[in-house]
Amino acid sequence: MPGQILMVFGETAPNSLVQLYLGSKLIDQVIYSDNNGFWQFELDSTALLAGAQSIKAKSLTTDGLESNFSESMFFEVVPAPIPQGQCAGPDLNFDGWVNVFDLSILLNYWRQANPSFICADINQDGFVDIVDFSILLYWWSESL
């Protein structure tokens, strides 16, 4: 979930500068390996978007040698749960995206007045109808 700390660590030549890349973007942080070549970094996930992410590293020795990139490590940032009684607009399954899963949920409550799952009534007018469908389509494939 956003806000959690992910421990990233590895091993390289002793006293080397380690560069971490989140996807293709260099993390602006100075990291050095210790005298035994071990290094670690605490990645704060607060600013990361929900969804799949990757991180990789490379190092630069004091002699000016540069390593290849490490194998990419993949992880997923899961959106924080929605507090009970609060809806996330058209994101009906609260996964951070508006997609076919949300459409399936909406259609399950189609044409119902005051549905048992109140979030299916996206505009909160008391009825699941074409207006709710239109709102969902407006946000289709968007990250919320």
Protein backbone atom coordinates (compact mmCIF):
# COMPACT_ATOMS: atom_id res chain seq x y z
CA MET A 1 0.00 0.00 0.00
CA PRO A 2 1.16 3.56 -0.53
CA GLY A 3 3.17 4.76 2.46
CA GLN A 4 4.82 1.44 3.19
CA ILE A 5 8.59 1.05 3.08
CA LEU A 6 10.12 -1.42 0.65
CA MET A 7 13.61 -2.62 1.58
CA VAL A 8 15.83 -2.85 -1.50
CA PHE A 9 19.29 -4.35 -1.04
CA GLY A 10 22.10 -6.04 -2.88
CA GLU A 11 25.79 -6.68 -3.21
CA THR A 12 28.44 -5.17 -5.48
CA ALA A 13 32.09 -4.16 -5.33
CA PRO A 14 33.08 -2.63 -1.99
CA ASN A 15 32.60 1.14 -1.58
CA SER A 16 30.80 1.53 -4.93
CA LEU A 17 28.17 4.09 -5.84
CA VAL A 18 24.85 2.31 -6.39
CA GLN A 19 22.28 3.78 -8.76
CA LEU A 20 18.68 2.61 -8.44
CA TYR A 21 16.13 2.91 -11.21
CA LEU A 22 12.41 2.79 -10.60
CA GLY A 23 11.25 1.67 -14.04
CA SER A 24 13.48 3.76 -16.31
CA LYS A 25 13.79 6.72 -13.91
CA LEU A 26 16.91 7.17 -11.78
CA ILE A 27 16.12 7.53 -8.08
CA ASP A 28 17.76 10.75 -6.91
CA GLN A 29 19.47 9.31 -3.84
CA VAL A 30 23.16 8.71 -3.07
CA ILE A 31 23.75 5.09 -2.03
CA TYR A 32 27.13 3.47 -1.41
CA SER A 33 28.01 -0.13 -0.71
CA ASP A 34 29.91 -0.81 2.49
CA ASN A 35 33.44 -2.26 2.85
CA ASN A 36 32.02 -5.74 2.15
CA GLY A 37 30.02 -4.61 -0.91
CA PHE A 38 26.59 -4.74 0.74
CA TRP A 39 24.09 -1.93 0.29
CA GLN A 40 20.48 -1.25 1.17
CA PHE A 41 17.86 1.40 0.53
CA GLU A 42 14.45 2.10 2.04
CA LEU A 43 12.04 2.97 -0.77
CA ASP A 44 9.05 4.97 0.47
CA SER A 45 6.02 3.98 -1.61
CA THR A 46 4.00 7.10 -0.69
CA ALA A 47 4.50 8.83 -4.05
CA LEU A 48 4.22 5.69 -6.18
CA LEU A 49 1.16 5.05 -8.32
CA ALA A 50 -0.87 1.95 -7.62
CA GLY A 51 0.01 -0.94 -9.89
CA ALA A 52 2.99 -2.95 -11.08
CA GLN A 53 6.44 -1.42 -10.58
CA SER A 54 10.00 -2.53 -11.20
CA ILE A 55 13.35 -1.57 -9.72
CA LYS A 56 16.90 -2.34 -10.83
CA ALA A 57 20.40 -1.27 -9.88
CA LYS A 58 23.85 -0.75 -11.29
CA SER A 59 27.05 0.37 -9.63
CA LEU A 60 30.09 2.52 -10.29
CA THR A 61 33.38 1.56 -8.63
CA THR A 62 35.93 4.01 -7.29
CA ASP A 63 38.13 2.97 -10.28
CA GLY A 64 35.45 4.22 -12.70
CA LEU A 65 34.15 0.78 -13.73
CA GLU A 66 30.41 0.51 -14.34
CA SER A 67 28.40 -2.68 -13.87
CA ASN A 68 25.56 -3.92 -16.01
CA PHE A 69 22.05 -3.47 -14.68
CA SER A 70 20.89 -6.01 -12.14
CA GLU A 71 17.90 -8.16 -12.85
CA SER A 72 14.72 -6.10 -12.50
CA MET A 73 12.71 -6.88 -9.41
CA PHE A 74 8.97 -6.47 -9.74
CA PHE A 75 6.49 -5.47 -7.06
CA GLU A 76 3.00 -4.08 -6.89
CA VAL A 77 1.68 -1.07 -5.03
CA VAL A 78 -1.82 -1.92 -3.86
CA PRO A 79 -4.12 1.03 -3.24
CA ALA A 80 -5.12 1.72 0.33
CA PRO A 81 -8.51 0.25 1.19
CA ILE A 82 -11.51 2.56 1.02
CA PRO A 83 -12.95 3.20 4.47
CA GLN A 84 -16.30 1.52 5.14
CA GLY A 85 -19.17 3.53 3.69
CA GLN A 86 -17.07 5.53 1.25
CA CYS A 87 -17.10 4.97 -2.49
CA ALA A 88 -14.34 5.58 -5.00
CA GLY A 89 -16.45 6.97 -7.83
CA PRO A 90 -16.50 4.59 -10.81
CA ASP A 91 -13.74 2.36 -9.32
CA LEU A 92 -16.26 -0.11 -7.96
CA ASN A 93 -13.78 -2.82 -6.93
CA PHE A 94 -11.38 -0.30 -5.34
CA ASP A 95 -8.30 -1.46 -7.27
CA GLY A 96 -7.28 2.01 -8.42
CA TRP A 97 -8.44 1.53 -12.05
CA VAL A 98 -11.70 1.84 -13.97
CA ASN A 99 -12.01 -1.18 -16.23
CA VAL A 100 -14.06 -4.27 -17.13
CA PHE A 101 -14.20 -5.43 -13.51
CA ASP A 102 -16.00 -2.25 -12.52
CA LEU A 103 -18.33 -2.57 -15.52
CA SER A 104 -19.22 -6.11 -14.42
CA ILE A 105 -20.09 -4.88 -10.95
CA LEU A 106 -22.18 -2.02 -12.36
CA LEU A 107 -24.09 -4.41 -14.65
CA ASN A 108 -24.78 -6.74 -11.72
CA TYR A 109 -26.80 -3.92 -10.12
CA TRP A 110 -28.20 -2.55 -13.41
CA ARG A 111 -31.63 -0.86 -13.13
CA GLN A 112 -31.82 -1.42 -9.38
CA ALA A 113 -33.20 1.24 -7.11
CA ASN A 114 -31.18 1.75 -3.93
CA PRO A 115 -28.81 -1.18 -4.63
CA SER A 116 -27.40 -3.16 -1.71
CA PHE A 117 -23.91 -2.10 -2.88
CA ILE A 118 -24.40 1.66 -2.73
CA CYS A 119 -21.23 2.40 -4.71
CA ALA A 120 -22.81 0.89 -7.85
CA ASP A 121 -25.03 3.98 -7.91
CA ILE A 122 -22.07 6.17 -8.89
CA ASN A 123 -23.96 9.48 -8.99
CA GLN A 124 -25.89 8.56 -5.82
CA ASP A 125 -29.33 9.38 -7.28
CA GLY A 126 -30.92 6.19 -5.94
CA PHE A 127 -30.92 4.24 -9.22
CA VAL A 128 -28.25 2.37 -11.22
CA ASP A 129 -28.81 3.51 -14.78
CA ILE A 130 -27.31 4.97 -17.94
CA VAL A 131 -26.00 8.01 -16.07
CA ASP A 132 -23.84 5.77 -13.86
CA PHE A 133 -22.74 3.85 -16.96
CA SER A 134 -21.79 7.11 -18.66
CA ILE A 135 -19.71 8.23 -15.67
CA LEU A 136 -17.92 4.87 -15.65
CA LEU A 137 -17.15 5.16 -19.39
CA TYR A 138 -15.83 8.69 -18.92
CA TRP A 139 -13.21 7.35 -16.49
CA TRP A 140 -12.58 4.13 -18.47
CA SER A 141 -8.98 2.85 -18.19
CA GLU A 142 -8.01 5.70 -15.89
CA SER A 143 -6.06 5.30 -12.67
CA LEU A 144 -7.83 6.91 -9.74
